[in-house]
Amino acid sequence: MSEKNPRRNETTDELFDAILSLETREECYDFFEDLCTVKEISDMAQRLEAAKLLLDGSTYEQIVKTVEISTATISRINRCIQYGSGGYRHTIEKVRSEK
């Protein structure tokens, strides 16, 4: 746990440990359908898709039409890609390389 980031705590560690224990897509569906609302899952999926499109060079206008999310959300995702911890980029690249 890090004192620099208050979101890093034992409870959050346990959540991430639970996620890391999932082995199949079906287990992910079961867990996330219990944990999150349908809207929350959809929002996360849309953010990931928008991040992929940003990394591929799509414009905000193209992303709004494709993913149907607000430019404010796209802007937040873009800030994370540009100045964040690298989570979007690393994860998207990892998944792409595994396909």
PDB file of N, CA and C in Angstrom:
ATOM      1  N   MET A   1       0.837  -1.193   0.000  1.00  0.00           N
ATOM      2  CA  MET A   1       0.000   0.000   0.000  1.00  0.00           C
ATOM      3  C   MET A   1       0.872   1.242   0.000  1.00  0.00           C
ATOM      4  N   SER A   2       0.421   2.263  -0.648  1.00  0.00           N
ATOM      5  CA  SER A   2       1.202   3.479  -0.780  1.00  0.00           C
ATOM      6  C   SER A   2       0.503   4.640  -0.092  1.00  0.00           C
ATOM      7  N   GLU A   3       1.281   5.407   0.669  1.00  0.00           N
ATOM      8  CA  GLU A   3       0.721   6.590   1.319  1.00  0.00           C
ATOM      9  C   GLU A   3       0.459   7.700   0.314  1.00  0.00           C
ATOM     10  N   LYS A   4       1.140   7.670  -0.821  1.00  0.00           N
ATOM     11  CA  LYS A   4       0.977   8.696  -1.847  1.00  0.00           C
ATOM     12  C   LYS A   4      -0.403   8.661  -2.476  1.00  0.00           C
ATOM     13  N   ASN A   5      -1.007   7.503  -2.565  1.00  0.00           N
ATOM     14  CA  ASN A   5      -2.290   7.341  -3.228  1.00  0.00           C
ATOM     15  C   ASN A   5      -3.298   6.773  -2.224  1.00  0.00           C
ATOM     16  N   PRO A   6      -4.208   7.621  -1.714  1.00  0.00           N
ATOM     17  CA  PRO A   6      -5.169   7.145  -0.701  1.00  0.00           C
ATOM     18  C   PRO A   6      -6.137   6.090  -1.215  1.00  0.00           C
ATOM     19  N   ARG A   7      -6.260   5.938  -2.534  1.00  0.00           N
ATOM     20  CA  ARG A   7      -7.142   4.898  -3.078  1.00  0.00           C
ATOM     21  C   ARG A   7      -6.526   3.520  -2.917  1.00  0.00           C
ATOM     22  N   ARG A   8      -5.241   3.467  -2.653  1.00  0.00           N
ATOM     23  CA  ARG A   8      -4.572   2.176  -2.446  1.00  0.00           C
ATOM     24  C   ARG A   8      -4.698   1.821  -0.973  1.00  0.00           C
ATOM     25  N   ASN A   9      -5.579   0.872  -0.722  1.00  0.00           N
ATOM     26  CA  ASN A   9      -5.815   0.455   0.653  1.00  0.00           C
ATOM     27  C   ASN A   9      -6.191  -1.022   0.662  1.00  0.00           C
ATOM     28  N   GLU A  10      -6.331  -1.565   1.844  1.00  0.00           N
ATOM     29  CA  GLU A  10      -6.585  -3.002   1.978  1.00  0.00           C
ATOM     30  C   GLU A  10      -7.877  -3.431   1.294  1.00  0.00           C
ATOM     31  N   THR A  11      -8.907  -2.633   1.412  1.00  0.00           N
ATOM     32  CA  THR A  11     -10.191  -2.979   0.800  1.00  0.00           C
ATOM     33  C   THR A  11     -10.074  -3.013  -0.722  1.00  0.00           C
ATOM     34  N   THR A  12      -9.405  -2.023  -1.285  1.00  0.00           N
ATOM     35  CA  THR A  12      -9.219  -1.988  -2.733  1.00  0.00           C
ATOM     36  C   THR A  12      -8.301  -3.120  -3.182  1.00  0.00           C
ATOM     37  N   ASP A  13      -7.274  -3.404  -2.390  1.00  0.00           N
ATOM     38  CA  ASP A  13      -6.401  -4.552  -2.691  1.00  0.00           C
ATOM     39  C   ASP A  13      -7.218  -5.831  -2.779  1.00  0.00           C
ATOM     40  N   GLU A  14      -8.155  -6.014  -1.855  1.00  0.00           N
ATOM     41  CA  GLU A  14      -8.988  -7.222  -1.860  1.00  0.00           C
ATOM     42  C   GLU A  14      -9.872  -7.278  -3.105  1.00  0.00           C
ATOM     43  N   LEU A  15     -10.388  -6.128  -3.527  1.00  0.00           N
ATOM     44  CA  LEU A  15     -11.180  -6.080  -4.762  1.00  0.00           C
ATOM     45  C   LEU A  15     -10.321  -6.512  -5.943  1.00  0.00           C
ATOM     46  N   PHE A  16      -9.127  -5.950  -6.060  1.00  0.00           N
ATOM     47  CA  PHE A  16      -8.260  -6.285  -7.183  1.00  0.00           C
ATOM     48  C   PHE A  16      -7.793  -7.735  -7.113  1.00  0.00           C
ATOM     49  N   ASP A  17      -7.563  -8.251  -5.913  1.00  0.00           N
ATOM     50  CA  ASP A  17      -7.217  -9.673  -5.766  1.00  0.00           C
ATOM     51  C   ASP A  17      -8.358 -10.548  -6.281  1.00  0.00           C
ATOM     52  N   ALA A  18      -9.599 -10.152  -5.981  1.00  0.00           N
ATOM     53  CA  ALA A  18     -10.757 -10.904  -6.464  1.00  0.00           C
ATOM     54  C   ALA A  18     -10.809 -10.869  -7.989  1.00  0.00           C
ATOM     55  N   ILE A  19     -10.566  -9.701  -8.577  1.00  0.00           N
ATOM     56  CA  ILE A  19     -10.573  -9.582 -10.041  1.00  0.00           C
ATOM     57  C   ILE A  19      -9.459 -10.427 -10.651  1.00  0.00           C
ATOM     58  N   LEU A  20      -8.289 -10.373 -10.042  1.00  0.00           N
ATOM     59  CA  LEU A  20      -7.161 -11.152 -10.555  1.00  0.00           C
ATOM     60  C   LEU A  20      -7.381 -12.662 -10.449  1.00  0.00           C
ATOM     61  N   SER A  21      -8.283 -13.080  -9.570  1.00  0.00           N
ATOM     62  CA  SER A  21      -8.554 -14.515  -9.411  1.00  0.00           C
ATOM     63  C   SER A  21      -9.460 -15.065 -10.509  1.00  0.00           C
ATOM     64  N   LEU A  22     -10.113 -14.193 -11.263  1.00  0.00           N
ATOM     65  CA  LEU A  22     -11.029 -14.629 -12.311  1.00  0.00           C
ATOM     66  C   LEU A  22     -10.239 -15.255 -13.453  1.00  0.00           C
ATOM     67  N   GLU A  23     -10.692 -16.411 -13.908  1.00  0.00           N
ATOM     68  CA  GLU A  23      -9.931 -17.154 -14.913  1.00  0.00           C
ATOM     69  C   GLU A  23     -10.584 -17.219 -16.282  1.00  0.00           C
ATOM     70  N   THR A  24     -11.884 -17.006 -16.337  1.00  0.00           N
ATOM     71  CA  THR A  24     -12.573 -17.108 -17.629  1.00  0.00           C
ATOM     72  C   THR A  24     -13.457 -15.890 -17.832  1.00  0.00           C
ATOM     73  N   ARG A  25     -13.837 -15.679 -19.084  1.00  0.00           N
ATOM     74  CA  ARG A  25     -14.756 -14.584 -19.392  1.00  0.00           C
ATOM     75  C   ARG A  25     -16.087 -14.801 -18.670  1.00  0.00           C
ATOM     76  N   GLU A  26     -16.537 -16.055 -18.587  1.00  0.00           N
ATOM     77  CA  GLU A  26     -17.800 -16.351 -17.897  1.00  0.00           C
ATOM     78  C   GLU A  26     -17.712 -15.984 -16.416  1.00  0.00           C
ATOM     79  N   GLU A  27     -16.584 -16.278 -15.775  1.00  0.00           N
ATOM     80  CA  GLU A  27     -16.393 -15.864 -14.376  1.00  0.00           C
ATOM     81  C   GLU A  27     -16.429 -14.348 -14.255  1.00  0.00           C
ATOM     82  N   CYS A  28     -15.866 -13.651 -15.241  1.00  0.00           N
ATOM     83  CA  CYS A  28     -15.906 -12.177 -15.234  1.00  0.00           C
ATOM     84  C   CYS A  28     -17.340 -11.680 -15.341  1.00  0.00           C
ATOM     85  N   TYR A  29     -18.105 -12.259 -16.273  1.00  0.00           N
ATOM     86  CA  TYR A  29     -19.509 -11.875 -16.397  1.00  0.00           C
ATOM     87  C   TYR A  29     -20.247 -12.090 -15.074  1.00  0.00           C
ATOM     88  N   ASP A  30     -20.081 -13.258 -14.476  1.00  0.00           N
ATOM     89  CA  ASP A  30     -20.773 -13.563 -13.226  1.00  0.00           C
ATOM     90  C   ASP A  30     -20.402 -12.580 -12.128  1.00  0.00           C
ATOM     91  N   PHE A  31     -19.110 -12.330 -11.964  1.00  0.00           N
ATOM     92  CA  PHE A  31     -18.649 -11.444 -10.891  1.00  0.00           C
ATOM     93  C   PHE A  31     -19.095 -10.006 -11.119  1.00  0.00           C
ATOM     94  N   PHE A  32     -18.846  -9.493 -12.321  1.00  0.00           N
ATOM     95  CA  PHE A  32     -19.167  -8.091 -12.579  1.00  0.00           C
ATOM     96  C   PHE A  32     -20.666  -7.834 -12.633  1.00  0.00           C
ATOM     97  N   GLU A  33     -21.458  -8.828 -13.055  1.00  0.00           N
ATOM     98  CA  GLU A  33     -22.908  -8.653 -13.033  1.00  0.00           C
ATOM     99  C   GLU A  33     -23.439  -8.581 -11.604  1.00  0.00           C
ATOM    100  N   ASP A  34     -22.766  -9.238 -10.676  1.00  0.00           N
ATOM    101  CA  ASP A  34     -23.141  -9.119  -9.268  1.00  0.00           C
ATOM    102  C   ASP A  34     -22.605  -7.828  -8.650  1.00  0.00           C
ATOM    103  N   LEU A  35     -21.399  -7.445  -9.047  1.00  0.00           N
ATOM    104  CA  LEU A  35     -20.723  -6.299  -8.446  1.00  0.00           C
ATOM    105  C   LEU A  35     -21.247  -4.965  -8.953  1.00  0.00           C
ATOM    106  N   CYS A  36     -21.533  -4.882 -10.243  1.00  0.00           N
ATOM    107  CA  CYS A  36     -21.861  -3.610 -10.891  1.00  0.00           C
ATOM    108  C   CYS A  36     -23.265  -3.639 -11.490  1.00  0.00           C
ATOM    109  N   THR A  37     -23.778  -2.447 -11.746  1.00  0.00           N
ATOM    110  CA  THR A  37     -25.026  -2.353 -12.498  1.00  0.00           C
ATOM    111  C   THR A  37     -24.706  -2.566 -13.981  1.00  0.00           C
ATOM    112  N   VAL A  38     -25.722  -2.840 -14.766  1.00  0.00           N
ATOM    113  CA  VAL A  38     -25.546  -2.987 -16.210  1.00  0.00           C
ATOM    114  C   VAL A  38     -24.954  -1.704 -16.787  1.00  0.00           C
ATOM    115  N   LYS A  39     -25.422  -0.570 -16.306  1.00  0.00           N
ATOM    116  CA  LYS A  39     -24.925   0.738 -16.782  1.00  0.00           C
ATOM    117  C   LYS A  39     -23.448   0.920 -16.449  1.00  0.00           C
ATOM    118  N   GLU A  40     -23.032   0.529 -15.258  1.00  0.00           N
ATOM    119  CA  GLU A  40     -21.621   0.661 -14.875  1.00  0.00           C
ATOM    120  C   GLU A  40     -20.719  -0.193 -15.766  1.00  0.00           C
ATOM    121  N   ILE A  41     -21.153  -1.402 -16.046  1.00  0.00           N
ATOM    122  CA  ILE A  41     -20.373  -2.274 -16.933  1.00  0.00           C
ATOM    123  C   ILE A  41     -20.309  -1.663 -18.331  1.00  0.00           C
ATOM    124  N   SER A  42     -21.439  -1.179 -18.809  1.00  0.00           N
ATOM    125  CA  SER A  42     -21.490  -0.547 -20.129  1.00  0.00           C
ATOM    126  C   SER A  42     -20.590   0.679 -20.183  1.00  0.00           C
ATOM    127  N   ASP A  43     -20.624   1.503 -19.150  1.00  0.00           N
ATOM    128  CA  ASP A  43     -19.776   2.703 -19.100  1.00  0.00           C
ATOM    129  C   ASP A  43     -18.294   2.340 -19.141  1.00  0.00           C
ATOM    130  N   MET A  44     -17.900   1.319 -18.397  1.00  0.00           N
ATOM    131  CA  MET A  44     -16.496   0.895 -18.407  1.00  0.00           C
ATOM    132  C   MET A  44     -16.093   0.380 -19.781  1.00  0.00           C
ATOM    133  N   ALA A  45     -16.970  -0.404 -20.406  1.00  0.00           N
ATOM    134  CA  ALA A  45     -16.685  -0.936 -21.744  1.00  0.00           C
ATOM    135  C   ALA A  45     -16.555   0.196 -22.758  1.00  0.00           C
ATOM    136  N   GLN A  46     -17.428   1.199 -22.652  1.00  0.00           N
ATOM    137  CA  GLN A  46     -17.362   2.346 -23.559  1.00  0.00           C
ATOM    138  C   GLN A  46     -16.064   3.126 -23.361  1.00  0.00           C
ATOM    139  N   ARG A  47     -15.644   3.306 -22.125  1.00  0.00           N
ATOM    140  CA  ARG A  47     -14.389   4.027 -21.858  1.00  0.00           C
ATOM    141  C   ARG A  47     -13.203   3.288 -22.447  1.00  0.00           C
ATOM    142  N   LEU A  48     -13.192   1.980 -22.307  1.00  0.00           N
ATOM    143  CA  LEU A  48     -12.098   1.195 -22.882  1.00  0.00           C
ATOM    144  C   LEU A  48     -12.099   1.313 -24.405  1.00  0.00           C
ATOM    145  N   GLU A  49     -13.273   1.233 -25.016  1.00  0.00           N
ATOM    146  CA  GLU A  49     -13.369   1.372 -26.473  1.00  0.00           C
ATOM    147  C   GLU A  49     -12.905   2.761 -26.913  1.00  0.00           C
ATOM    148  N   ALA A  50     -13.303   3.794 -26.195  1.00  0.00           N
ATOM    149  CA  ALA A  50     -12.867   5.152 -26.525  1.00  0.00           C
ATOM    150  C   ALA A  50     -11.347   5.273 -26.401  1.00  0.00           C
ATOM    151  N   ALA A  51     -10.774   4.670 -25.386  1.00  0.00           N
ATOM    152  CA  ALA A  51      -9.317   4.705 -25.218  1.00  0.00           C
ATOM    153  C   ALA A  51      -8.620   4.022 -26.393  1.00  0.00           C
ATOM    154  N   LYS A  52      -9.147   2.894 -26.828  1.00  0.00           N
ATOM    155  CA  LYS A  52      -8.575   2.202 -27.995  1.00  0.00           C
ATOM    156  C   LYS A  52      -8.602   3.123 -29.213  1.00  0.00           C
ATOM    157  N   LEU A  53      -9.749   3.760 -29.423  1.00  0.00           N
ATOM    158  CA  LEU A  53      -9.891   4.636 -30.586  1.00  0.00           C
ATOM    159  C   LEU A  53      -8.954   5.836 -30.491  1.00  0.00           C
ATOM    160  N   LEU A  54      -8.812   6.408 -29.308  1.00  0.00           N
ATOM    161  CA  LEU A  54      -7.871   7.522 -29.127  1.00  0.00           C
ATOM    162  C   LEU A  54      -6.446   7.078 -29.445  1.00  0.00           C
ATOM    163  N   LEU A  55      -6.071   5.928 -28.932  1.00  0.00           N
ATOM    164  CA  LEU A  55      -4.724   5.421 -29.189  1.00  0.00           C
ATOM    165  C   LEU A  55      -4.502   5.126 -30.668  1.00  0.00           C
ATOM    166  N   ASP A  56      -5.580   4.824 -31.384  1.00  0.00           N
ATOM    167  CA  ASP A  56      -5.488   4.549 -32.822  1.00  0.00           C
ATOM    168  C   ASP A  56      -5.588   5.821 -33.663  1.00  0.00           C
ATOM    169  N   GLY A  57      -5.738   6.982 -33.005  1.00  0.00           N
ATOM    170  CA  GLY A  57      -5.739   8.250 -33.726  1.00  0.00           C
ATOM    171  C   GLY A  57      -7.093   8.794 -34.118  1.00  0.00           C
ATOM    172  N   SER A  58      -8.164   8.226 -33.620  1.00  0.00           N
ATOM    173  CA  SER A  58      -9.498   8.735 -33.942  1.00  0.00           C
ATOM    174  C   SER A  58      -9.723  10.097 -33.311  1.00  0.00           C
ATOM    175  N   THR A  59     -10.560  10.893 -33.947  1.00  0.00           N
ATOM    176  CA  THR A  59     -10.908  12.206 -33.407  1.00  0.00           C
ATOM    177  C   THR A  59     -12.044  12.065 -32.394  1.00  0.00           C
ATOM    178  N   TYR A  60     -12.238  13.103 -31.593  1.00  0.00           N
ATOM    179  CA  TYR A  60     -13.346  13.097 -30.638  1.00  0.00           C
ATOM    180  C   TYR A  60     -14.662  12.890 -31.367  1.00  0.00           C
ATOM    181  N   GLU A  61     -14.835  13.574 -32.495  1.00  0.00           N
ATOM    182  CA  GLU A  61     -16.087  13.470 -33.255  1.00  0.00           C
ATOM    183  C   GLU A  61     -16.338  12.033 -33.710  1.00  0.00           C
ATOM    184  N   GLN A  62     -15.302  11.373 -34.192  1.00  0.00           N
ATOM    185  CA  GLN A  62     -15.439   9.981 -34.619  1.00  0.00           C
ATOM    186  C   GLN A  62     -15.804   9.079 -33.435  1.00  0.00           C
ATOM    187  N   ILE A  63     -15.189   9.342 -32.299  1.00  0.00           N
ATOM    188  CA  ILE A  63     -15.447   8.521 -31.111  1.00  0.00           C
ATOM    189  C   ILE A  63     -16.865   8.728 -30.599  1.00  0.00           C
ATOM    190  N   VAL A  64     -17.327   9.978 -30.578  1.00  0.00           N
ATOM    191  CA  VAL A  64     -18.701  10.263 -30.137  1.00  0.00           C
ATOM    192  C   VAL A  64     -19.695   9.482 -30.996  1.00  0.00           C
ATOM    193  N   LYS A  65     -19.477   9.458 -32.298  1.00  0.00           N
ATOM    194  CA  LYS A  65     -20.384   8.754 -33.207  1.00  0.00           C
ATOM    195  C   LYS A  65     -20.305   7.239 -33.020  1.00  0.00           C
ATOM    196  N   THR A  66     -19.101   6.732 -32.794  1.00  0.00           N
ATOM    197  CA  THR A  66     -18.898   5.290 -32.694  1.00  0.00           C
ATOM    198  C   THR A  66     -19.313   4.734 -31.339  1.00  0.00           C
ATOM    199  N   VAL A  67     -18.899   5.420 -30.277  1.00  0.00           N
ATOM    200  CA  VAL A  67     -19.073   4.881 -28.928  1.00  0.00           C
ATOM    201  C   VAL A  67     -20.263   5.501 -28.206  1.00  0.00           C
ATOM    202  N   GLU A  68     -20.713   6.657 -28.694  1.00  0.00           N
ATOM    203  CA  GLU A  68     -21.851   7.351 -28.093  1.00  0.00           C
ATOM    204  C   GLU A  68     -21.605   7.735 -26.639  1.00  0.00           C
ATOM    205  N   ILE A  69     -20.452   8.396 -26.397  1.00  0.00           N
ATOM    206  CA  ILE A  69     -20.167   8.980 -25.089  1.00  0.00           C
ATOM    207  C   ILE A  69     -19.868  10.456 -25.283  1.00  0.00           C
ATOM    208  N   SER A  70     -19.881  11.192 -24.202  1.00  0.00           N
ATOM    209  CA  SER A  70     -19.702  12.636 -24.285  1.00  0.00           C
ATOM    210  C   SER A  70     -18.251  13.007 -24.555  1.00  0.00           C
ATOM    211  N   THR A  71     -18.080  14.196 -25.109  1.00  0.00           N
ATOM    212  CA  THR A  71     -16.717  14.694 -25.329  1.00  0.00           C
ATOM    213  C   THR A  71     -16.010  14.933 -23.998  1.00  0.00           C
ATOM    214  N   ALA A  72     -16.754  15.241 -22.951  1.00  0.00           N
ATOM    215  CA  ALA A  72     -16.144  15.426 -21.628  1.00  0.00           C
ATOM    216  C   ALA A  72     -15.517  14.115 -21.142  1.00  0.00           C
ATOM    217  N   THR A  73     -16.209  13.008 -21.353  1.00  0.00           N
ATOM    218  CA  THR A  73     -15.665  11.707 -20.962  1.00  0.00           C
ATOM    219  C   THR A  73     -14.462  11.354 -21.825  1.00  0.00           C
ATOM    220  N   ILE A  74     -14.554  11.620 -23.112  1.00  0.00           N
ATOM    221  CA  ILE A  74     -13.423  11.358 -24.005  1.00  0.00           C
ATOM    222  C   ILE A  74     -12.221  12.185 -23.572  1.00  0.00           C
ATOM    223  N   SER A  75     -12.454  13.430 -23.218  1.00  0.00           N
ATOM    224  CA  SER A  75     -11.377  14.303 -22.760  1.00  0.00           C
ATOM    225  C   SER A  75     -10.714  13.757 -21.504  1.00  0.00           C
ATOM    226  N   ARG A  76     -11.505  13.253 -20.580  1.00  0.00           N
ATOM    227  CA  ARG A  76     -10.960  12.668 -19.357  1.00  0.00           C
ATOM    228  C   ARG A  76     -10.107  11.448 -19.679  1.00  0.00           C
ATOM    229  N   ILE A  77     -10.596  10.605 -20.573  1.00  0.00           N
ATOM    230  CA  ILE A  77      -9.849   9.422 -20.985  1.00  0.00           C
ATOM    231  C   ILE A  77      -8.542   9.837 -21.653  1.00  0.00           C
ATOM    232  N   ASN A  78      -8.609  10.845 -22.506  1.00  0.00           N
ATOM    233  CA  ASN A  78      -7.413  11.335 -23.191  1.00  0.00           C
ATOM    234  C   ASN A  78      -6.383  11.870 -22.192  1.00  0.00           C
ATOM    235  N   ARG A  79      -6.837  12.582 -21.167  1.00  0.00           N
ATOM    236  CA  ARG A  79      -5.916  13.070 -20.118  1.00  0.00           C
ATOM    237  C   ARG A  79      -5.258  11.897 -19.409  1.00  0.00           C
ATOM    238  N   CYS A  80      -6.024  10.857 -19.135  1.00  0.00           N
ATOM    239  CA  CYS A  80      -5.447   9.665 -18.501  1.00  0.00           C
ATOM    240  C   CYS A  80      -4.393   9.033 -19.398  1.00  0.00           C
ATOM    241  N   ILE A  81      -4.677   8.965 -20.689  1.00  0.00           N
ATOM    242  CA  ILE A  81      -3.713   8.383 -21.629  1.00  0.00           C
ATOM    243  C   ILE A  81      -2.450   9.241 -21.688  1.00  0.00           C
ATOM    244  N   GLN A  82      -2.632  10.551 -21.746  1.00  0.00           N
ATOM    245  CA  GLN A  82      -1.493  11.457 -21.890  1.00  0.00           C
ATOM    246  C   GLN A  82      -0.687  11.634 -20.604  1.00  0.00           C
ATOM    247  N   TYR A  83      -1.370  11.724 -19.466  1.00  0.00           N
ATOM    248  CA  TYR A  83      -0.695  12.120 -18.226  1.00  0.00           C
ATOM    249  C   TYR A  83      -0.888  11.153 -17.059  1.00  0.00           C
ATOM    250  N   GLY A  84      -1.628  10.079 -17.287  1.00  0.00           N
ATOM    251  CA  GLY A  84      -1.936   9.159 -16.203  1.00  0.00           C
ATOM    252  C   GLY A  84      -0.839   8.138 -15.973  1.00  0.00           C
ATOM    253  N   SER A  85      -1.216   7.064 -15.336  1.00  0.00           N
ATOM    254  CA  SER A  85      -0.246   6.034 -14.939  1.00  0.00           C
ATOM    255  C   SER A  85       0.073   5.036 -16.050  1.00  0.00           C
ATOM    256  N   GLY A  86      -0.581   5.164 -17.195  1.00  0.00           N
ATOM    257  CA  GLY A  86      -0.316   4.267 -18.318  1.00  0.00           C
ATOM    258  C   GLY A  86      -1.190   3.027 -18.346  1.00  0.00           C
ATOM    259  N   GLY A  87      -2.195   2.988 -17.488  1.00  0.00           N
ATOM    260  CA  GLY A  87      -3.044   1.810 -17.397  1.00  0.00           C
ATOM    261  C   GLY A  87      -3.792   1.480 -18.672  1.00  0.00           C
ATOM    262  N   TYR A  88      -4.402   2.485 -19.293  1.00  0.00           N
ATOM    263  CA  TYR A  88      -5.121   2.231 -20.543  1.00  0.00           C
ATOM    264  C   TYR A  88      -4.161   1.677 -21.595  1.00  0.00           C
ATOM    265  N   ARG A  89      -3.088   2.422 -21.859  1.00  0.00           N
ATOM    266  CA  ARG A  89      -2.157   2.051 -22.922  1.00  0.00           C
ATOM    267  C   ARG A  89      -1.572   0.652 -22.690  1.00  0.00           C
ATOM    268  N   HIS A  90      -1.090   0.407 -21.487  1.00  0.00           N
ATOM    269  CA  HIS A  90      -0.451  -0.869 -21.176  1.00  0.00           C
ATOM    270  C   HIS A  90      -1.439  -2.032 -21.343  1.00  0.00           C
ATOM    271  N   THR A  91      -2.628  -1.866 -20.807  1.00  0.00           N
ATOM    272  CA  THR A  91      -3.614  -2.943 -20.856  1.00  0.00           C
ATOM    273  C   THR A  91      -4.090  -3.201 -22.280  1.00  0.00           C
ATOM    274  N   ILE A  92      -4.360  -2.151 -23.021  1.00  0.00           N
ATOM    275  CA  ILE A  92      -4.816  -2.308 -24.411  1.00  0.00           C
ATOM    276  C   ILE A  92      -3.723  -2.975 -25.240  1.00  0.00           C
ATOM    277  N   GLU A  93      -2.485  -2.530 -25.080  1.00  0.00           N
ATOM    278  CA  GLU A  93      -1.385  -3.148 -25.825  1.00  0.00           C
ATOM    279  C   GLU A  93      -1.196  -4.598 -25.440  1.00  0.00           C
ATOM    280  N   LYS A  94      -1.338  -4.903 -24.155  1.00  0.00           N
ATOM    281  CA  LYS A  94      -1.193  -6.279 -23.687  1.00  0.00           C
ATOM    282  C   LYS A  94      -2.263  -7.184 -24.296  1.00  0.00           C
ATOM    283  N   VAL A  95      -3.512  -6.727 -24.280  1.00  0.00           N
ATOM    284  CA  VAL A  95      -4.610  -7.533 -24.836  1.00  0.00           C
ATOM    285  C   VAL A  95      -4.407  -7.711 -26.338  1.00  0.00           C
ATOM    286  N   ARG A  96      -4.014  -6.647 -27.019  1.00  0.00           N
ATOM    287  CA  ARG A  96      -3.804  -6.732 -28.475  1.00  0.00           C
ATOM    288  C   ARG A  96      -2.680  -7.717 -28.814  1.00  0.00           C
ATOM    289  N   SER A  97      -1.637  -7.710 -28.036  1.00  0.00           N
ATOM    290  CA  SER A  97      -0.501  -8.601 -28.332  1.00  0.00           C
ATOM    291  C   SER A  97      -0.837 -10.063 -28.045  1.00  0.00           C
ATOM    292  N   GLU A  98      -1.817 -10.290 -27.163  1.00  0.00           N
ATOM    293  CA  GLU A  98      -2.218 -11.655 -26.837  1.00  0.00           C
ATOM    294  C   GLU A  98      -3.171 -12.249 -27.871  1.00  0.00           C
ATOM    295  N   LYS A  99      -3.735 -11.409 -28.737  1.00  0.00           N
ATOM    296  CA  LYS A  99      -4.703 -11.901 -29.737  1.00  0.00           C
ATOM    297  C   LYS A  99      -4.021 -12.445 -30.935  1.00  0.00           C
TER     298      LYS A  99
END
